[in-house]
Structures are given as C-alpha cells and as structure tokens.
Amino acid sequence: MTRDLRGYGATPPEITWPGGARVAVSLVVNVEEGAELSLLDGDERNESIYEAREEVVGAADPCMTSHFGYGPRRGYWRIAETLATHGVPATFSTCGRAAAATPWLIRDAVARGHEISCHGWRWERHAGMDEATERAVIARTHTMLTEIAGTPPVGWHTRSAATVNTRRLLIEHGGFRYDSDAYDDDLPYIAAGSDAPHVILPYAFDTNDMRFQPGGGFVTGEDFARYCLAAYDRLAWEGRGALLSVGLHLRIIGKPARIHGLELFLDGVAARGGAWFATRAQIAEQWRQLTDA
C-alpha cells in the first residue's frame, strides 16, 4: 500500500454537479444496531463505545444493548420523516447483521428511495483481519443486504480501520462500484490499478453526529448544524465543486434533542441553494461520467 500525499494538488478539477450545483451533499445514515459486539449475541466481548463509556467484561450487558436499541425503535423514524419532509435521499450504510436483525427498517428505507450500502458484517474494525476471513465477511455482507434490500449494494465502508487488502478484495468481489474507506479529500477519485473504474468517495468524521459523544465537541443540535453549514459554505465559496459527507447514526441524531440539528442543516442548505443531494451510488456514477473513467 502506497500513500498519495499530493492528491489533486493546487489545481483540483473544476466540477459542476447536476443542475449546476456547487456541492454534492451526501447524507450517510449508519445502521449498526444489532451488529455491535455483545456477549448476548455470541460475540467475544461487549461493545464499549457509546455516550456512556463503560464496558462490561465477562458478563452480558443488557444496558448497552438497550442503548443501541433506541436507534431502530425511535431514531430511525425521526430521521426517515425528516428526510422525507425535505425531499432528500440518503445512503444507509448498513452492517449485515444489523440488516438481519431489522429487515423491516431496510425495506422501509428502500421504499422511501434511499440507497443501501455495506458497512461490514459486524460493527467492527477490520484491522488485523486475515485475508480469507475478510473476503468471507465482504461476501456475506453483500449477500445479506442483497437479499433484504432486493437490490445488490454497490458501496462499502469499513468501521474505522480497514486492512491493506480491503479495497482489492472489494474490487475482486465484482459487486462494488465505490468505497468510502478514505478521509483524505473533498473530491472523489479513482482507485489506482483497478481495471474497472472503482471510485473512492472520501468520508468525514468532523461533519458527523459522532461528535455528540463525550469530548466530541457537539452538545446541542445547533452545534451540529452550525458546523456542517460552515463546511458547506466554505466548499460552495471555493466554487470548484466538492463532496460534503455528513455522517448520521440512528441512535445519535435520532434523539429528540438532536434531530432539530439535522432539520436546521437541511433548511440552511436549501436557503443557500447550490447543493445536489444525492446517494453515494449516484455521486460515484456521476464522477465516472465527469472524468470519463
């Protein structure tokens, strides 16, 4: 694996998105509930990352599983209704085991016109995973989401750390058109060395509701909206065309005190104009056309 620290350099391509939009806005709703590590589900340990950071070791943790349960029980409906009210599509980045646990949620998202993409089988890092295991995880996730969503997913995003093999395995699988295992640009780019154009759509951890977690910087919904709108304003001002990824989670932005932040962001972008709200699959396909890849 080689690092490209130059990227597009001082002269990134001048991009005009559909409708003359200056910024492609990608809302990514992460569906992880039911895929978090839990002794109750036969995993090797319990999940420890949530707003209350406490890991129960050596015993089942109904408290943690209940926290995650808020996402599909309540958070999803607030998010789905907000997206419908504003008429914008999203990419539901979904763990295979989460989809198996909440197939009704996935089918409802598809019926509303959203994209379903892959987020691993369990909600776990792939770092340290051997190649054979990772290949099987990719295939299992793709198969499960195809079965439940009714359409084969074309995108992938690993929780945090991928392996040096992940992108190659996705390309070898043949069902993926893009991945989001990168955080290094505001523009998509084509993976080097792939026969069929494989698009890399960089993701972002700053314009992300994960920052509501302790120490992350967001406290109120207004914090989230102001920060994400600041990113939008800068990208629109630069005027080259760019990608703004906004990460959402059912159990985080779906809370009653936070959902207003998403509403404020969507209202703010609408008032400013110049945005193309699209799924990541749509953005990847448009990038191929724009770059003749």
Protein backbone atom coordinates (compact mmCIF):
# COMPACT_ATOMS: atom_id res chain seq x y z
CA MET A 1 0.00 0.00 0.00
CA THR A 2 1.46 3.33 -1.08
CA ARG A 3 0.38 6.75 0.19
CA ASP A 4 -0.52 9.62 -2.12
CA LEU A 5 0.00 12.80 -0.12
CA ARG A 6 -0.25 15.10 -3.15
CA GLY A 7 -3.71 14.28 -4.46
CA TYR A 8 -5.01 16.89 -6.87
CA GLY A 9 -2.51 19.44 -5.59
CA ALA A 10 -3.05 23.14 -6.26
CA THR A 11 -5.27 22.51 -9.30
CA PRO A 12 -8.17 20.22 -8.39
CA PRO A 13 -10.59 19.57 -11.24
CA GLU A 14 -13.36 22.11 -11.81
CA ILE A 15 -16.55 20.12 -11.24
CA THR A 16 -20.14 21.06 -11.91
CA TRP A 17 -22.63 18.66 -10.44
CA PRO A 18 -26.12 18.09 -11.93
CA GLY A 19 -28.25 21.21 -12.07
CA GLY A 20 -25.17 23.39 -11.83
CA ALA A 21 -24.74 22.53 -8.15
CA ARG A 22 -21.53 23.66 -6.47
CA VAL A 23 -21.53 20.97 -3.77
CA ALA A 24 -22.65 17.34 -3.79
CA VAL A 25 -24.12 16.64 -0.34
CA SER A 26 -24.06 13.03 0.77
CA LEU A 27 -26.09 12.13 3.86
CA VAL A 28 -24.87 8.82 5.26
CA VAL A 29 -27.12 7.12 7.80
CA ASN A 30 -25.16 4.41 9.59
CA VAL A 31 -27.23 1.36 10.55
CA GLU A 32 -25.21 -0.52 13.16
CA GLU A 33 -27.74 -1.52 15.81
CA GLY A 34 -27.85 -5.28 16.20
CA ALA A 35 -24.32 -5.57 14.83
CA GLU A 36 -22.50 -4.11 17.84
CA LEU A 37 -20.40 -6.63 19.76
CA SER A 38 -22.36 -8.34 22.50
CA LEU A 39 -21.93 -11.48 24.56
CA LEU A 40 -25.70 -11.83 24.25
CA ASP A 41 -25.18 -12.40 20.51
CA GLY A 42 -22.32 -14.84 20.98
CA ASP A 43 -19.51 -12.33 20.36
CA GLU A 44 -16.17 -12.42 22.13
CA ARG A 45 -16.85 -9.26 24.13
CA ASN A 46 -19.31 -6.42 24.67
CA GLU A 47 -19.24 -3.11 22.86
CA SER A 48 -17.75 -0.29 24.93
CA ILE A 49 -18.23 2.75 22.69
CA TYR A 50 -21.35 4.74 23.39
CA GLU A 51 -22.19 8.01 25.08
CA ALA A 52 -21.84 6.30 28.45
CA ARG A 53 -18.38 4.77 28.09
CA GLU A 54 -18.43 1.66 30.18
CA GLU A 55 -17.52 -1.86 29.16
CA VAL A 56 -18.92 -4.84 30.99
CA VAL A 57 -16.32 -7.60 30.88
CA GLY A 58 -17.15 -11.27 31.27
CA ALA A 59 -20.91 -10.86 31.54
CA ALA A 60 -23.81 -9.99 29.27
CA ASP A 61 -24.64 -6.27 29.07
CA PRO A 62 -28.40 -5.66 28.59
CA CYS A 63 -27.79 -1.96 29.37
CA MET A 64 -25.59 -1.46 26.30
CA THR A 65 -27.88 -3.42 24.00
CA SER A 66 -30.80 -1.30 25.20
CA HIS A 67 -28.91 1.90 24.36
CA PHE A 68 -28.33 0.63 20.82
CA GLY A 69 -31.95 -0.46 20.60
CA TYR A 70 -33.06 3.17 20.67
CA GLY A 71 -31.84 3.61 17.09
CA PRO A 72 -34.22 1.30 15.25
CA ARG A 73 -37.09 1.68 17.74
CA ARG A 74 -37.27 5.50 17.70
CA GLY A 75 -34.36 7.22 16.00
CA TYR A 76 -34.94 5.75 12.55
CA TRP A 77 -38.46 7.12 12.28
CA ARG A 78 -37.42 10.67 13.16
CA ILE A 79 -34.61 10.58 10.60
CA ALA A 80 -36.77 8.99 7.88
CA GLU A 81 -39.51 11.56 8.40
CA THR A 82 -37.03 14.45 8.34
CA LEU A 83 -35.50 13.23 5.08
CA ALA A 84 -38.98 12.80 3.57
CA THR A 85 -40.08 16.28 4.66
CA HIS A 86 -37.04 17.83 2.99
CA GLY A 87 -37.20 15.56 -0.06
CA VAL A 88 -33.58 14.42 0.10
CA PRO A 89 -32.10 10.94 -0.43
CA ALA A 90 -29.55 9.29 1.82
CA THR A 91 -27.22 6.32 1.77
CA PHE A 92 -27.96 3.87 4.56
CA SER A 93 -24.57 2.36 5.34
CA THR A 94 -25.63 -0.93 6.87
CA CYS A 95 -23.95 -3.74 8.75
CA GLY A 96 -25.06 -7.15 7.52
CA ARG A 97 -26.01 -8.39 10.97
CA ALA A 98 -27.92 -5.18 11.65
CA ALA A 99 -29.95 -5.71 8.48
CA ALA A 100 -30.68 -9.30 9.53
CA ALA A 101 -31.93 -8.01 12.88
CA THR A 102 -34.07 -5.19 11.39
CA PRO A 103 -35.12 -6.21 7.87
CA TRP A 104 -38.26 -4.06 8.10
CA LEU A 105 -36.07 -0.96 8.54
CA ILE A 106 -34.03 -1.71 5.43
CA ARG A 107 -37.10 -2.40 3.33
CA ASP A 108 -38.75 0.80 4.54
CA ALA A 109 -35.63 2.82 3.63
CA VAL A 110 -35.60 1.25 0.15
CA ALA A 111 -39.30 2.02 -0.31
CA ARG A 112 -38.53 5.65 0.53
CA GLY A 113 -35.94 5.80 -2.27
CA HIS A 114 -32.73 5.57 -0.25
CA GLU A 115 -29.58 3.63 -1.12
CA ILE A 116 -28.45 0.65 0.95
CA SER A 117 -24.68 0.15 1.12
CA CYS A 118 -22.38 -2.18 3.06
CA HIS A 119 -20.83 -1.35 6.44
CA GLY A 120 -19.28 -4.71 7.28
CA TRP A 121 -20.96 -7.72 8.84
CA ARG A 122 -20.45 -6.77 12.48
CA TRP A 123 -19.77 -3.21 13.64
CA GLU A 124 -16.04 -3.76 13.93
CA ARG A 125 -12.69 -2.68 12.61
CA HIS A 126 -11.08 -4.90 10.00
CA ALA A 127 -7.53 -4.07 11.09
CA GLY A 128 -5.71 -7.30 11.81
CA MET A 129 -8.27 -9.45 9.99
CA ASP A 130 -6.69 -12.11 7.79
CA GLU A 131 -7.42 -12.02 4.08
CA ALA A 132 -9.56 -15.15 3.91
CA THR A 133 -11.76 -14.01 6.78
CA GLU A 134 -12.17 -10.55 5.32
CA ARG A 135 -13.07 -11.93 1.91
CA ALA A 136 -15.78 -14.05 3.55
CA VAL A 137 -17.08 -11.08 5.57
CA ILE A 138 -17.39 -8.95 2.45
CA ALA A 139 -19.25 -11.67 0.57
CA ARG A 140 -21.56 -12.45 3.49
CA THR A 141 -22.47 -8.79 3.97
CA HIS A 142 -23.15 -8.25 0.28
CA THR A 143 -25.33 -11.36 0.09
CA MET A 144 -27.40 -10.44 3.16
CA LEU A 145 -28.07 -6.88 2.04
CA THR A 146 -28.96 -8.04 -1.46
CA GLU A 147 -31.46 -10.50 -0.02
CA ILE A 148 -33.13 -7.98 2.29
CA ALA A 149 -32.96 -4.82 0.18
CA GLY A 150 -33.84 -6.58 -3.06
CA THR A 151 -31.02 -4.79 -4.91
CA PRO A 152 -27.29 -5.59 -4.76
CA PRO A 153 -25.37 -2.89 -2.86
CA VAL A 154 -22.57 -1.20 -4.78
CA GLY A 155 -20.81 0.65 -1.96
CA TRP A 156 -18.71 -0.25 1.07
CA HIS A 157 -17.41 1.50 4.19
CA THR A 158 -15.43 -0.21 6.95
CA ARG A 159 -15.89 0.94 10.52
CA SER A 160 -12.72 2.97 11.17
CA ALA A 161 -9.69 0.91 10.16
CA ALA A 162 -9.78 -1.22 7.03
CA THR A 163 -6.91 -3.55 6.10
CA VAL A 164 -4.39 -3.10 3.32
CA ASN A 165 -6.36 -5.78 1.44
CA THR A 166 -9.88 -4.37 1.79
CA ARG A 167 -10.08 -2.31 -1.39
CA ARG A 168 -8.51 -5.04 -3.51
CA LEU A 169 -10.96 -7.59 -2.10
CA LEU A 170 -13.89 -5.29 -2.87
CA ILE A 171 -12.72 -4.92 -6.46
CA GLU A 172 -12.13 -8.66 -6.78
CA HIS A 173 -15.63 -9.35 -5.47
CA GLY A 174 -17.03 -7.60 -8.53
CA GLY A 175 -20.19 -6.20 -6.95
CA PHE A 176 -18.80 -2.92 -5.70
CA ARG A 177 -18.54 0.33 -7.63
CA TYR A 178 -17.16 2.51 -4.83
CA ASP A 179 -15.88 2.50 -1.28
CA SER A 180 -15.62 5.19 1.40
CA ASP A 181 -12.55 3.90 3.24
CA ALA A 182 -10.74 7.24 2.87
CA TYR A 183 -10.76 10.57 4.66
CA ASP A 184 -8.16 12.44 2.64
CA ASP A 185 -10.01 14.73 0.21
CA ASP A 186 -13.12 16.79 -0.55
CA LEU A 187 -13.39 15.23 -4.01
CA PRO A 188 -13.83 11.67 -5.19
CA TYR A 189 -11.06 9.95 -7.09
CA ILE A 190 -10.46 6.70 -8.94
CA ALA A 191 -8.58 3.87 -7.25
CA ALA A 192 -5.22 3.25 -8.85
CA GLY A 193 -4.68 -0.05 -10.59
CA SER A 194 -8.32 -1.13 -10.94
CA ASP A 195 -9.41 -2.47 -14.33
CA ALA A 196 -13.00 -1.31 -13.90
CA PRO A 197 -13.16 2.26 -12.51
CA HIS A 198 -13.55 1.92 -8.75
CA VAL A 199 -14.47 5.26 -7.20
CA ILE A 200 -13.23 6.33 -3.78
CA LEU A 201 -15.69 8.65 -2.03
CA PRO A 202 -13.90 10.14 0.99
CA TYR A 203 -15.90 10.13 4.22
CA ALA A 204 -15.61 12.58 7.13
CA PHE A 205 -15.54 12.31 10.91
CA ASP A 206 -15.86 16.05 11.59
CA THR A 207 -19.19 16.68 9.83
CA ASN A 208 -20.58 13.74 11.73
CA ASP A 209 -23.02 13.32 14.60
CA MET A 210 -20.50 11.02 16.31
CA ARG A 211 -19.14 14.27 17.76
CA PHE A 212 -22.09 14.31 20.16
CA GLN A 213 -20.22 11.60 22.07
CA PRO A 214 -18.22 12.74 25.13
CA GLY A 215 -15.35 15.01 24.13
CA GLY A 216 -16.53 15.29 20.54
CA GLY A 217 -17.49 18.95 20.66
CA PHE A 218 -21.23 18.86 19.83
CA VAL A 219 -23.66 19.41 22.68
CA THR A 220 -26.79 20.81 21.05
CA GLY A 221 -28.39 20.24 17.68
CA GLU A 222 -27.42 23.79 16.79
CA ASP A 223 -23.73 22.86 17.23
CA PHE A 224 -24.11 20.14 14.61
CA ALA A 225 -25.99 22.39 12.19
CA ARG A 226 -23.58 25.32 12.51
CA TYR A 227 -20.52 23.18 11.93
CA CYS A 228 -21.94 21.32 8.93
CA LEU A 229 -23.23 24.56 7.39
CA ALA A 230 -19.79 26.13 7.85
CA ALA A 231 -18.31 23.26 5.85
CA TYR A 232 -20.96 23.69 3.17
CA ASP A 233 -20.40 27.44 2.97
CA ARG A 234 -16.66 27.07 2.53
CA LEU A 235 -16.92 24.42 -0.16
CA ALA A 236 -19.55 26.45 -2.03
CA TRP A 237 -17.40 29.59 -1.77
CA GLU A 238 -14.36 27.80 -3.17
CA GLY A 239 -16.56 27.12 -6.15
CA ARG A 240 -14.76 24.14 -7.65
CA GLY A 241 -17.46 21.59 -6.93
CA ALA A 242 -16.86 19.31 -3.99
CA LEU A 243 -18.26 16.47 -1.92
CA LEU A 244 -19.64 17.10 1.58
CA SER A 245 -20.27 13.90 3.54
CA VAL A 246 -22.50 14.24 6.60
CA GLY A 247 -22.47 11.19 8.87
CA LEU A 248 -25.58 10.28 10.86
CA HIS A 249 -26.47 7.49 13.26
CA LEU A 250 -29.91 6.24 14.22
CA ARG A 251 -29.14 6.24 17.95
CA ILE A 252 -27.40 9.64 17.93
CA ILE A 253 -29.02 12.29 15.69
CA GLY A 254 -32.32 10.42 16.15
CA LYS A 255 -32.59 11.65 19.75
CA PRO A 256 -35.38 14.21 20.32
CA ALA A 257 -32.97 16.96 21.41
CA ARG A 258 -30.73 16.48 18.36
CA ILE A 259 -32.95 15.85 15.33
CA HIS A 260 -33.54 19.60 15.07
CA GLY A 261 -29.87 19.92 14.18
CA LEU A 262 -30.42 17.86 11.03
CA GLU A 263 -33.51 19.91 10.23
CA LEU A 264 -31.57 23.15 10.66
CA PHE A 265 -28.80 21.90 8.40
CA LEU A 266 -31.18 20.85 5.64
CA ASP A 267 -33.14 24.11 5.90
CA GLY A 268 -29.89 26.10 5.81
CA VAL A 269 -28.59 24.39 2.68
CA ALA A 270 -31.95 24.80 0.98
CA ALA A 271 -31.94 28.53 1.77
CA ARG A 272 -28.42 28.94 0.41
CA GLY A 273 -29.01 26.90 -2.75
CA GLY A 274 -26.36 25.32 -4.92
CA ALA A 275 -26.49 21.79 -3.48
CA TRP A 276 -27.04 18.45 -5.13
CA PHE A 277 -28.32 15.99 -2.53
CA ALA A 278 -27.52 12.52 -3.83
CA THR A 279 -26.81 9.00 -2.73
CA ARG A 280 -23.22 7.86 -2.80
CA ALA A 281 -24.01 5.49 -5.64
CA GLN A 282 -25.31 8.44 -7.68
CA ILE A 283 -22.23 10.52 -6.85
CA ALA A 284 -19.87 7.69 -7.81
CA GLU A 285 -21.66 7.18 -11.13
CA GLN A 286 -21.64 10.91 -11.86
CA TRP A 287 -17.92 11.06 -11.09
CA ARG A 288 -17.24 8.35 -13.65
CA GLN A 289 -19.15 10.33 -16.26
CA LEU A 290 -17.47 13.63 -15.37
CA THR A 291 -14.00 12.10 -15.53
CA ASP A 292 -14.71 9.68 -18.40
CA ALA A 293 -13.47 6.87 -16.19
